[in-house]
Amino acid sequence: MNALTPFHLAIPVNDLDQTRSFYRETLNCEEGRSSDHWVDFNFFGHQLVLHMSDQAKAVVASNPVDGHDVPVPHFGVVLEWGIWTSLAERLKGQGIQFVIEPYIRFKGQMGEQATMFFYDPSGNALEFKAFKDSSQIFAK
């Protein structure tokens, strides 16, 4: 596979209005089609669909990585380094409550990356990251 294509991810939310506002206003995602129980977003070039569900509940699990408890499950995107830096600063300025504050993981090692974790209002864990050398995204 040479060219990346957009992924499609549908996630449950317990408050469609609040979570919709978060993706639109906090993350600046463009809203697409919607109904009274779901909404599409352009999530950094990918299709993210929020589905209202009375059964939506956050799963509280984590795995230790680089001295931090990484929430599992989680999803997110790999950004360019400068875009990640700008997003991290903007989110800090908005008072986002981070699960893992923005920092550089594996500094000076293979796979050096900037990362941050936080939850959306429905308890879905998100990770935004950027690799110092993007050719190392899939390096072993």
C-alpha atoms as a PDB file:
ATOM      1  CA  MET A   1       0.000   0.000   0.000  1.00  0.00           C
ATOM      2  CA  ASN A   2       1.513   3.267  -1.075  1.00  0.00           C
ATOM      3  CA  ALA A   3      -1.196   5.871  -0.529  1.00  0.00           C
ATOM      4  CA  LEU A   4      -3.076   6.185   2.713  1.00  0.00           C
ATOM      5  CA  THR A   5      -6.826   6.351   2.413  1.00  0.00           C
ATOM      6  CA  PRO A   6      -9.228   7.785   4.988  1.00  0.00           C
ATOM      7  CA  PHE A   7     -10.480   5.449   7.686  1.00  0.00           C
ATOM      8  CA  HIS A   8     -14.084   5.318   8.891  1.00  0.00           C
ATOM      9  CA  LEU A   9     -14.703   5.021  12.612  1.00  0.00           C
ATOM     10  CA  ALA A  10     -18.076   5.052  14.373  1.00  0.00           C
ATOM     11  CA  ILE A  11     -18.057   5.596  18.138  1.00  0.00           C
ATOM     12  CA  PRO A  12     -20.791   5.608  20.780  1.00  0.00           C
ATOM     13  CA  VAL A  13     -21.597   8.813  22.636  1.00  0.00           C
ATOM     14  CA  ASN A  14     -23.901   9.393  25.592  1.00  0.00           C
ATOM     15  CA  ASP A  15     -24.568  13.093  24.911  1.00  0.00           C
ATOM     16  CA  LEU A  16     -24.715  13.886  21.201  1.00  0.00           C
ATOM     17  CA  ASP A  17     -24.987  17.674  21.583  1.00  0.00           C
ATOM     18  CA  GLN A  18     -22.077  18.028  24.032  1.00  0.00           C
ATOM     19  CA  THR A  19     -19.808  15.614  22.170  1.00  0.00           C
ATOM     20  CA  ARG A  20     -20.732  17.162  18.804  1.00  0.00           C
ATOM     21  CA  SER A  21     -19.762  20.576  20.175  1.00  0.00           C
ATOM     22  CA  PHE A  22     -16.421  19.200  21.411  1.00  0.00           C
ATOM     23  CA  TYR A  23     -15.404  17.813  18.004  1.00  0.00           C
ATOM     24  CA  ARG A  24     -16.660  20.881  16.157  1.00  0.00           C
ATOM     25  CA  GLU A  25     -15.477  23.656  18.480  1.00  0.00           C
ATOM     26  CA  THR A  26     -12.593  22.216  20.491  1.00  0.00           C
ATOM     27  CA  LEU A  27     -10.960  20.089  17.786  1.00  0.00           C
ATOM     28  CA  ASN A  28     -12.160  22.261  14.852  1.00  0.00           C
ATOM     29  CA  CYS A  29     -13.495  19.267  12.930  1.00  0.00           C
ATOM     30  CA  GLU A  30     -15.847  20.092  10.071  1.00  0.00           C
ATOM     31  CA  GLU A  31     -19.311  18.670  10.546  1.00  0.00           C
ATOM     32  CA  GLY A  32     -20.879  16.659   7.732  1.00  0.00           C
ATOM     33  CA  ARG A  33     -24.175  14.843   7.447  1.00  0.00           C
ATOM     34  CA  SER A  34     -26.250  14.175  10.521  1.00  0.00           C
ATOM     35  CA  SER A  35     -29.564  13.050  11.935  1.00  0.00           C
ATOM     36  CA  ASP A  36     -31.106  13.297  15.373  1.00  0.00           C
ATOM     37  CA  HIS A  37     -28.990  10.340  16.584  1.00  0.00           C
ATOM     38  CA  TRP A  38     -25.690  10.525  14.659  1.00  0.00           C
ATOM     39  CA  VAL A  39     -23.304  13.037  13.087  1.00  0.00           C
ATOM     40  CA  ASP A  40     -20.346  12.728  10.677  1.00  0.00           C
ATOM     41  CA  PHE A  41     -17.133  14.702  11.123  1.00  0.00           C
ATOM     42  CA  ASN A  42     -14.057  15.279   9.008  1.00  0.00           C
ATOM     43  CA  PHE A  43     -11.590  14.083  11.640  1.00  0.00           C
ATOM     44  CA  PHE A  44      -8.286  15.313  10.211  1.00  0.00           C
ATOM     45  CA  GLY A  45      -9.141  13.847   6.799  1.00  0.00           C
ATOM     46  CA  HIS A  46     -10.899  10.752   8.142  1.00  0.00           C
ATOM     47  CA  GLN A  47     -14.582   9.990   8.651  1.00  0.00           C
ATOM     48  CA  LEU A  48     -15.613   9.910  12.294  1.00  0.00           C
ATOM     49  CA  VAL A  49     -19.253   9.215  13.127  1.00  0.00           C
ATOM     50  CA  LEU A  50     -20.718   9.897  16.560  1.00  0.00           C
ATOM     51  CA  HIS A  51     -23.653   7.580  17.309  1.00  0.00           C
ATOM     52  CA  MET A  52     -25.957   8.332  20.215  1.00  0.00           C
ATOM     53  CA  SER A  53     -26.244   5.268  22.428  1.00  0.00           C
ATOM     54  CA  ASP A  54     -27.910   4.802  25.784  1.00  0.00           C
ATOM     55  CA  GLN A  55     -25.394   2.011  26.343  1.00  0.00           C
ATOM     56  CA  ALA A  56     -22.327   4.184  25.699  1.00  0.00           C
ATOM     57  CA  LYS A  57     -19.978   4.001  28.648  1.00  0.00           C
ATOM     58  CA  ALA A  58     -16.303   4.626  29.082  1.00  0.00           C
ATOM     59  CA  VAL A  59     -14.071   1.621  29.525  1.00  0.00           C
ATOM     60  CA  VAL A  60     -11.421   2.351  32.115  1.00  0.00           C
ATOM     61  CA  ALA A  61      -8.407   0.258  31.221  1.00  0.00           C
ATOM     62  CA  SER A  62      -4.789   1.148  30.595  1.00  0.00           C
ATOM     63  CA  ASN A  63      -1.422  -0.262  29.643  1.00  0.00           C
ATOM     64  CA  PRO A  64       1.935   1.037  30.880  1.00  0.00           C
ATOM     65  CA  VAL A  65       3.954   2.714  28.109  1.00  0.00           C
ATOM     66  CA  ASP A  66       7.053   4.828  28.726  1.00  0.00           C
ATOM     67  CA  GLY A  67       6.107   5.439  32.366  1.00  0.00           C
ATOM     68  CA  HIS A  68       2.489   6.439  31.630  1.00  0.00           C
ATOM     69  CA  ASP A  69      -0.835   4.633  31.876  1.00  0.00           C
ATOM     70  CA  VAL A  70      -2.132   4.722  28.302  1.00  0.00           C
ATOM     71  CA  PRO A  71      -5.936   4.450  28.088  1.00  0.00           C
ATOM     72  CA  VAL A  72      -7.205   1.424  26.169  1.00  0.00           C
ATOM     73  CA  PRO A  73      -9.062   1.522  23.876  1.00  0.00           C
ATOM     74  CA  HIS A  74      -8.174   4.819  22.221  1.00  0.00           C
ATOM     75  CA  PHE A  75      -8.021   6.295  18.743  1.00  0.00           C
ATOM     76  CA  GLY A  76      -6.546   9.356  17.100  1.00  0.00           C
ATOM     77  CA  VAL A  77      -4.342  10.554  14.294  1.00  0.00           C
ATOM     78  CA  VAL A  78      -0.679  11.023  13.462  1.00  0.00           C
ATOM     79  CA  LEU A  79      -0.050  14.663  12.615  1.00  0.00           C
ATOM     80  CA  GLU A  80       2.914  16.552  11.222  1.00  0.00           C
ATOM     81  CA  TRP A  81       5.236  17.737  14.021  1.00  0.00           C
ATOM     82  CA  GLY A  82       4.384  21.442  13.675  1.00  0.00           C
ATOM     83  CA  ILE A  83       0.647  20.797  13.482  1.00  0.00           C
ATOM     84  CA  TRP A  84       0.841  18.609  16.591  1.00  0.00           C
ATOM     85  CA  THR A  85       2.735  21.338  18.452  1.00  0.00           C
ATOM     86  CA  SER A  86       0.156  23.974  17.488  1.00  0.00           C
ATOM     87  CA  LEU A  87      -2.730  21.696  18.491  1.00  0.00           C
ATOM     88  CA  ALA A  88      -1.118  20.887  21.853  1.00  0.00           C
ATOM     89  CA  GLU A  89      -0.657  24.593  22.626  1.00  0.00           C
ATOM     90  CA  ARG A  90      -4.215  25.428  21.548  1.00  0.00           C
ATOM     91  CA  LEU A  91      -5.676  22.620  23.679  1.00  0.00           C
ATOM     92  CA  LYS A  92      -3.621  23.707  26.696  1.00  0.00           C
ATOM     93  CA  GLY A  93      -4.966  27.229  26.185  1.00  0.00           C
ATOM     94  CA  GLN A  94      -8.511  25.862  26.134  1.00  0.00           C
ATOM     95  CA  GLY A  95      -7.945  24.119  29.450  1.00  0.00           C
ATOM     96  CA  ILE A  96      -8.277  20.557  28.156  1.00  0.00           C
ATOM     97  CA  GLN A  97      -7.870  18.059  30.973  1.00  0.00           C
ATOM     98  CA  PHE A  98      -5.194  15.694  29.678  1.00  0.00           C
ATOM     99  CA  VAL A  99      -4.922  12.065  30.710  1.00  0.00           C
ATOM    100  CA  ILE A 100      -1.300  12.270  29.539  1.00  0.00           C
ATOM    101  CA  GLU A 101       0.032  15.788  29.075  1.00  0.00           C
ATOM    102  CA  PRO A 102       1.727  16.576  25.738  1.00  0.00           C
ATOM    103  CA  TYR A 103       5.301  15.277  25.831  1.00  0.00           C
ATOM    104  CA  ILE A 104       8.020  13.609  23.748  1.00  0.00           C
ATOM    105  CA  ARG A 105       8.022   9.810  24.043  1.00  0.00           C
ATOM    106  CA  PHE A 106      11.065   7.641  23.265  1.00  0.00           C
ATOM    107  CA  LYS A 107      13.244  10.766  23.009  1.00  0.00           C
ATOM    108  CA  GLY A 108      16.422  10.075  21.049  1.00  0.00           C
ATOM    109  CA  GLN A 109      15.297   6.524  20.224  1.00  0.00           C
ATOM    110  CA  MET A 110      13.761   4.767  17.242  1.00  0.00           C
ATOM    111  CA  GLY A 111      10.154   5.950  16.984  1.00  0.00           C
ATOM    112  CA  GLU A 112      10.647   9.266  18.817  1.00  0.00           C
ATOM    113  CA  GLN A 113       7.237  10.884  18.935  1.00  0.00           C
ATOM    114  CA  ALA A 114       5.197  13.658  20.449  1.00  0.00           C
ATOM    115  CA  THR A 115       1.997  12.435  22.065  1.00  0.00           C
ATOM    116  CA  MET A 116      -0.940  13.520  24.198  1.00  0.00           C
ATOM    117  CA  PHE A 117      -4.090  11.802  25.467  1.00  0.00           C
ATOM    118  CA  PHE A 118      -7.443  13.150  26.597  1.00  0.00           C
ATOM    119  CA  TYR A 119     -11.108  12.125  26.643  1.00  0.00           C
ATOM    120  CA  ASP A 120     -14.032  13.503  24.698  1.00  0.00           C
ATOM    121  CA  PRO A 121     -17.161  14.395  26.732  1.00  0.00           C
ATOM    122  CA  SER A 122     -18.559  10.857  26.239  1.00  0.00           C
ATOM    123  CA  GLY A 123     -15.423   9.207  27.639  1.00  0.00           C
ATOM    124  CA  ASN A 124     -13.799   8.132  24.362  1.00  0.00           C
ATOM    125  CA  ALA A 125     -10.004   8.275  24.729  1.00  0.00           C
ATOM    126  CA  LEU A 126      -8.098  10.120  22.009  1.00  0.00           C
ATOM    127  CA  GLU A 127      -4.388  10.182  21.210  1.00  0.00           C
ATOM    128  CA  PHE A 128      -2.748  12.721  18.959  1.00  0.00           C
ATOM    129  CA  LYS A 129       0.845  12.048  17.991  1.00  0.00           C
ATOM    130  CA  ALA A 130       3.589  13.139  15.622  1.00  0.00           C
ATOM    131  CA  PHE A 131       6.804  11.345  14.740  1.00  0.00           C
ATOM    132  CA  LYS A 132      10.085  13.227  14.665  1.00  0.00           C
ATOM    133  CA  ASP A 133      10.940  11.119  11.579  1.00  0.00           C
ATOM    134  CA  SER A 134       7.725  10.087   9.835  1.00  0.00           C
ATOM    135  CA  SER A 135       9.500   7.185   8.132  1.00  0.00           C
ATOM    136  CA  GLN A 136       9.606   5.507  11.577  1.00  0.00           C
ATOM    137  CA  ILE A 137       5.818   5.237  12.011  1.00  0.00           C
ATOM    138  CA  PHE A 138       5.907   1.507  11.262  1.00  0.00           C
ATOM    139  CA  ALA A 139       9.557   0.844  12.162  1.00  0.00           C
ATOM    140  CA  LYS A 140      10.367  -2.217  14.260  1.00  0.00           C
END
